[in-house]
Amino acid sequence: MEQTLATGARGDVSVTPGVSWGAVIAGAVVSCALTLVLLAFGAGVGFSVVSPWGSSGVSATTFKIGTGLYFIVIAMISSAVGGYLAGRLRATWVGVASTEITFRDTAHGLLAWALATVVGAALLAAPASALIGGVGAATSAATSSVASAAQSSGAMDGYVDQLLRTESSGQAQVNPADSRSELARLLTSSVENGDGLSAGDRSYVAKLIANRTGLSQADAEQRVDQVVASLKSSLESARQAGQQISIWLTLSLFIGALSACLAAMEGGGTRDGTWGKQPLFRRRSTAT
């Protein structure tokens, strides 16, 4: 079978294209599948170390750090395997300089990682969310409270309950449902504005609480301050948790890209029988 030689700008000659897309796709598919397996395993481990009881299981800080480190482990393993396959399965280039082969192997690993990342973002988003949300229920609940506060007053029911709690079981309540939605809307507005309750809203809410619970105006205002502070603390904890998870994910992506490139270089070198037998980067001699 006759083959046509393709000559590059620098005089390199090859009988095959520079990119073996079949190898890239194969590496990306394996990387996505391995990521899903490791996510499922991580979810099982996560459920085994956390507990709904405050005195049991690992602490929130330990869990967040462990989750971030596990993201990096997933990225390293899955990207390295996918990159190695992309380099090992690519075609052999004839008449190409060793430095160019090194570059192409690195590119194969990077392409496999990029394709796996794009496909994984579409296909593995649900399992990843389940892993984070299942074992971090408290953080997810606080986050979803912020997201749904603008559309539904139900997200603020817990804080409204704290505001309207009576001091004694025999305290009479007048029309319990009348002021709940109004209080929820006021709390929601304070969250959206980011400045808390205004002085007028704070005084008005305290009057509603005093009428409902029998507390004095001063005690009602103190309760309002406590509940608003609790709400702000929950939202801040959710923000910090989201920020930390985002940083861990970004770090894992960079490490995954590096792992895929290095593994592809090893796979390509093993494919050609040159891995470990010559320097990775060698200056190409110029013809006189």
Protein backbone atom coordinates (compact mmCIF):
# COMPACT_ATOMS: atom_id res chain seq x y z
CA MET A 1 0.00 0.00 0.00
CA GLU A 2 1.52 3.30 -1.10
CA GLN A 3 1.90 6.00 1.53
CA THR A 4 2.51 9.68 0.87
CA LEU A 5 5.20 11.43 2.90
CA ALA A 6 4.22 14.75 4.47
CA THR A 7 7.07 17.20 4.96
CA GLY A 8 6.77 19.88 7.67
CA ALA A 9 8.10 23.40 7.63
CA ARG A 10 11.24 22.35 9.52
CA GLY A 11 11.98 19.42 7.28
CA ASP A 12 10.33 16.75 9.42
CA VAL A 13 8.89 13.87 7.45
CA SER A 14 6.01 11.70 8.65
CA VAL A 15 3.65 9.22 7.08
CA THR A 16 0.87 9.88 9.65
CA PRO A 17 -1.05 12.93 10.86
CA GLY A 18 0.26 14.83 13.84
CA VAL A 19 -2.79 14.02 16.00
CA SER A 20 -4.22 10.53 16.50
CA TRP A 21 -7.78 11.43 17.38
CA GLY A 22 -8.76 7.84 18.02
CA ALA A 23 -6.14 7.61 20.77
CA VAL A 24 -7.23 10.97 22.20
CA ILE A 25 -10.89 9.94 22.34
CA ALA A 26 -10.03 6.56 23.85
CA GLY A 27 -7.96 8.20 26.58
CA ALA A 28 -10.71 10.73 27.31
CA VAL A 29 -13.40 8.05 27.56
CA VAL A 30 -11.33 5.96 29.96
CA SER A 31 -10.54 9.07 32.01
CA CYS A 32 -14.26 9.94 32.34
CA ALA A 33 -15.19 6.39 33.30
CA LEU A 34 -12.44 6.19 35.90
CA THR A 35 -13.50 9.56 37.32
CA LEU A 36 -17.04 8.24 37.76
CA VAL A 37 -15.76 5.12 39.53
CA LEU A 38 -13.59 7.17 41.89
CA LEU A 39 -16.47 9.58 42.58
CA ALA A 40 -18.71 6.67 43.54
CA PHE A 41 -16.01 5.29 45.81
CA GLY A 42 -15.44 8.69 47.36
CA ALA A 43 -19.16 9.08 48.03
CA GLY A 44 -19.17 5.77 49.90
CA VAL A 45 -16.15 6.77 51.96
CA GLY A 46 -17.68 10.18 52.62
CA PHE A 47 -20.92 8.72 53.96
CA SER A 48 -18.92 6.44 56.24
CA VAL A 49 -16.94 9.24 57.91
CA VAL A 50 -19.63 11.89 58.39
CA SER A 51 -22.50 11.78 60.84
CA PRO A 52 -25.69 13.80 61.37
CA TRP A 53 -24.78 14.02 65.06
CA GLY A 54 -22.42 16.78 66.08
CA SER A 55 -20.40 14.57 68.46
CA SER A 56 -19.72 11.87 65.86
CA GLY A 57 -17.80 11.69 62.58
CA VAL A 58 -15.08 13.97 61.30
CA SER A 59 -15.16 17.73 61.73
CA ALA A 60 -16.32 20.06 58.99
CA THR A 61 -12.78 21.36 58.45
CA THR A 62 -11.35 17.86 58.13
CA PHE A 63 -14.11 16.90 55.73
CA LYS A 64 -13.54 19.92 53.47
CA ILE A 65 -9.78 19.37 53.35
CA GLY A 66 -10.25 15.65 52.74
CA THR A 67 -12.72 16.35 49.94
CA GLY A 68 -10.32 18.78 48.27
CA LEU A 69 -7.41 16.34 48.49
CA TYR A 70 -9.58 13.56 47.09
CA PHE A 71 -10.49 15.78 44.12
CA ILE A 72 -6.78 16.07 43.40
CA VAL A 73 -6.29 12.30 43.72
CA ILE A 74 -9.17 11.71 41.29
CA ALA A 75 -7.70 14.17 38.80
CA MET A 76 -4.21 12.68 39.03
CA ILE A 77 -5.29 9.06 38.62
CA SER A 78 -7.93 9.48 35.92
CA SER A 79 -5.94 12.04 33.91
CA ALA A 80 -2.73 10.04 34.12
CA VAL A 81 -4.43 6.86 32.90
CA GLY A 82 -6.23 8.69 30.10
CA GLY A 83 -3.07 10.54 29.05
CA TYR A 84 -0.98 7.37 29.08
CA LEU A 85 -3.47 5.60 26.82
CA ALA A 86 -3.57 8.57 24.46
CA GLY A 87 0.21 8.48 24.15
CA ARG A 88 0.51 4.72 24.00
CA LEU A 89 -2.21 4.22 21.37
CA ARG A 90 -1.15 7.00 19.01
CA ALA A 91 0.44 6.13 15.68
CA THR A 92 4.17 5.97 15.15
CA TRP A 93 5.75 9.00 13.49
CA VAL A 94 8.56 8.28 11.05
CA GLY A 95 11.29 10.80 10.34
CA VAL A 96 10.20 13.24 13.06
CA ALA A 97 12.70 14.81 15.48
CA SER A 98 12.63 13.62 19.06
CA THR A 99 11.75 17.08 20.36
CA GLU A 100 8.75 17.21 18.01
CA ILE A 101 7.65 13.75 19.14
CA THR A 102 7.86 14.91 22.77
CA PHE A 103 5.71 17.93 21.96
CA ARG A 104 3.14 15.81 20.12
CA ASP A 105 2.93 13.30 22.97
CA THR A 106 2.40 16.15 25.43
CA ALA A 107 -0.29 17.58 23.16
CA HIS A 108 -2.05 14.20 23.02
CA GLY A 109 -2.18 14.09 26.81
CA LEU A 110 -3.47 17.66 26.98
CA LEU A 111 -6.13 16.97 24.33
CA ALA A 112 -7.29 13.83 26.14
CA TRP A 113 -7.52 15.78 29.42
CA ALA A 114 -9.39 18.66 27.76
CA LEU A 115 -11.89 16.36 26.06
CA ALA A 116 -12.45 14.40 29.27
CA THR A 117 -12.97 17.65 31.19
CA VAL A 118 -15.53 19.00 28.73
CA VAL A 119 -17.42 15.70 28.50
CA GLY A 120 -17.17 15.19 32.26
CA ALA A 121 -18.60 18.63 32.94
CA ALA A 122 -21.71 17.59 31.00
CA LEU A 123 -22.03 13.93 32.05
CA LEU A 124 -20.50 13.80 35.52
CA ALA A 125 -21.97 16.99 36.97
CA ALA A 126 -24.85 15.14 38.65
CA PRO A 127 -22.69 12.51 40.43
CA ALA A 128 -20.24 15.19 41.53
CA SER A 129 -23.07 17.31 42.93
CA ALA A 130 -24.47 14.27 44.71
CA LEU A 131 -21.07 13.60 46.29
CA ILE A 132 -20.68 17.14 47.54
CA GLY A 133 -24.31 17.64 48.49
CA GLY A 134 -24.89 14.23 50.06
CA VAL A 135 -22.04 14.34 52.55
CA GLY A 136 -22.20 18.11 53.05
CA ALA A 137 -25.92 18.45 53.66
CA ALA A 138 -25.67 21.41 56.00
CA THR A 139 -23.64 23.51 53.60
CA SER A 140 -25.86 22.62 50.66
CA ALA A 141 -28.98 23.50 52.65
CA ALA A 142 -27.62 26.93 53.46
CA THR A 143 -26.64 27.51 49.84
CA SER A 144 -30.01 26.45 48.49
CA SER A 145 -31.69 28.72 51.04
CA VAL A 146 -29.93 31.68 49.49
CA ALA A 147 -30.73 30.56 45.93
CA SER A 148 -34.43 30.03 46.57
CA ALA A 149 -35.05 32.91 48.94
CA ALA A 150 -36.06 35.30 46.20
CA GLN A 151 -38.76 32.97 44.86
CA SER A 152 -40.10 31.25 47.97
CA SER A 153 -40.59 32.27 51.58
CA GLY A 154 -40.31 28.61 52.69
CA ALA A 155 -36.51 28.85 52.72
CA MET A 156 -36.73 31.28 55.64
CA ASP A 157 -39.23 29.26 57.69
CA GLY A 158 -36.59 28.11 60.17
CA TYR A 159 -35.48 31.65 60.94
CA VAL A 160 -39.09 32.84 61.18
CA ASP A 161 -39.75 30.04 63.67
CA GLN A 162 -36.89 31.34 65.79
CA LEU A 163 -38.32 34.84 65.70
CA LEU A 164 -41.83 33.76 66.66
CA ARG A 165 -40.92 31.20 69.32
CA THR A 166 -42.84 31.79 72.55
CA GLU A 167 -41.22 31.76 75.95
CA SER A 168 -43.80 29.39 77.47
CA SER A 169 -46.03 26.66 76.08
CA GLY A 170 -49.10 28.44 77.44
CA GLN A 171 -48.45 31.72 75.63
CA ALA A 172 -51.41 32.63 73.46
CA GLN A 173 -50.82 33.26 69.77
CA VAL A 174 -53.07 35.43 67.63
CA ASN A 175 -53.43 34.48 63.97
CA PRO A 176 -50.08 32.59 63.71
CA ALA A 177 -50.06 32.62 59.90
CA ASP A 178 -50.69 36.34 59.46
CA SER A 179 -47.15 37.63 59.88
CA ARG A 180 -45.01 34.66 58.81
CA SER A 181 -44.90 35.49 55.11
CA GLU A 182 -44.23 39.14 55.86
CA LEU A 183 -41.33 38.30 58.16
CA ALA A 184 -39.92 35.89 55.55
CA ARG A 185 -40.07 38.60 52.90
CA LEU A 186 -38.28 41.05 55.18
CA LEU A 187 -35.51 38.54 55.91
CA THR A 188 -35.22 37.71 52.23
CA SER A 189 -34.90 41.39 51.39
CA SER A 190 -32.18 41.81 54.00
CA VAL A 191 -30.24 38.91 52.44
CA GLU A 192 -30.57 40.33 48.93
CA ASN A 193 -29.46 43.81 50.00
CA GLY A 194 -26.55 42.46 52.02
CA ASP A 195 -26.92 45.16 54.70
CA GLY A 196 -29.29 43.36 57.06
CA LEU A 197 -32.54 44.83 58.32
CA SER A 198 -32.86 48.58 58.21
CA ALA A 199 -33.62 50.44 61.43
CA GLY A 200 -37.29 50.81 60.49
CA ASP A 201 -37.68 47.15 59.49
CA ARG A 202 -35.86 46.02 62.65
CA SER A 203 -38.23 48.03 64.86
CA TYR A 204 -41.27 46.80 62.93
CA VAL A 205 -40.20 43.15 63.12
CA ALA A 206 -39.54 43.51 66.84
CA LYS A 207 -43.09 44.86 67.34
CA LEU A 208 -44.55 41.88 65.45
CA ILE A 209 -42.55 39.49 67.58
CA ALA A 210 -43.53 41.26 70.79
CA ASN A 211 -47.22 41.04 69.84
CA ARG A 212 -46.94 37.37 68.90
CA THR A 213 -44.78 36.13 71.76
CA GLY A 214 -45.46 38.47 74.65
CA LEU A 215 -41.84 39.61 74.85
CA SER A 216 -40.94 43.17 75.67
CA GLN A 217 -39.81 45.44 72.85
CA ALA A 218 -36.18 45.31 74.04
CA ASP A 219 -36.17 41.51 74.27
CA ALA A 220 -37.84 41.26 70.86
CA GLU A 221 -35.18 43.49 69.30
CA GLN A 222 -32.47 41.36 70.91
CA ARG A 223 -34.02 38.24 69.42
CA VAL A 224 -34.14 39.89 65.99
CA ASP A 225 -30.42 40.70 66.23
CA GLN A 226 -29.60 37.12 67.24
CA VAL A 227 -31.58 35.55 64.40
CA VAL A 228 -30.19 37.96 61.79
CA ALA A 229 -26.65 37.23 63.03
CA SER A 230 -27.35 33.49 62.79
CA LEU A 231 -28.65 33.91 59.25
CA LYS A 232 -25.57 35.92 58.21
CA SER A 233 -23.29 33.31 59.78
CA SER A 234 -24.96 30.50 57.83
CA LEU A 235 -24.69 32.41 54.56
CA GLU A 236 -21.04 33.26 55.21
CA SER A 237 -20.26 29.61 55.97
CA ALA A 238 -21.91 28.59 52.72
CA ARG A 239 -19.94 31.23 50.80
CA GLN A 240 -16.64 30.10 52.31
CA ALA A 241 -17.42 26.45 51.62
CA GLY A 242 -18.24 27.23 47.99
CA GLN A 243 -15.06 29.28 47.64
CA GLN A 244 -12.89 26.51 49.07
CA ILE A 245 -14.48 23.84 46.86
CA SER A 246 -13.93 26.03 43.79
CA ILE A 247 -10.25 26.52 44.66
CA TRP A 248 -9.78 22.77 45.21
CA LEU A 249 -11.48 22.00 41.89
CA THR A 250 -9.33 24.52 40.02
CA LEU A 251 -6.17 23.11 41.58
CA SER A 252 -7.21 19.56 40.73
CA LEU A 253 -7.81 20.56 37.10
CA PHE A 254 -4.32 22.02 36.75
CA ILE A 255 -2.75 18.97 38.38
CA GLY A 256 -4.85 16.71 36.15
CA ALA A 257 -3.62 18.50 33.02
CA LEU A 258 0.01 18.14 34.12
CA SER A 259 -0.49 14.46 34.98
CA ALA A 260 -2.07 13.76 31.58
CA CYS A 261 0.79 15.44 29.70
CA LEU A 262 3.52 13.61 31.62
CA ALA A 263 1.72 10.27 31.33
CA ALA A 264 1.23 10.77 27.59
CA MET A 265 4.95 11.39 27.19
CA GLU A 266 5.65 8.13 29.00
CA GLY A 267 3.04 6.28 26.95
CA GLY A 268 4.41 7.61 23.67
CA GLY A 269 7.98 6.82 24.68
CA THR A 270 6.97 3.32 25.66
CA ARG A 271 5.15 2.96 22.33
CA ASP A 272 8.33 3.86 20.44
CA GLY A 273 10.67 2.01 22.79
CA THR A 274 12.55 5.20 23.67
CA TRP A 275 11.24 5.87 27.17
CA GLY A 276 14.14 6.08 29.60
CA LYS A 277 16.74 5.62 26.87
CA GLN A 278 17.22 9.24 25.87
CA PRO A 279 16.69 12.72 27.37
CA LEU A 280 13.17 14.09 27.20
CA PHE A 281 14.37 17.31 25.61
CA ARG A 282 17.33 17.19 23.24
CA ARG A 283 18.61 19.98 21.03
CA ARG A 284 18.14 19.09 17.41
CA SER A 285 21.29 19.28 15.33
CA THR A 286 21.15 21.52 12.26
CA ALA A 287 22.34 20.31 8.92
CA THR A 288 25.21 22.19 7.32
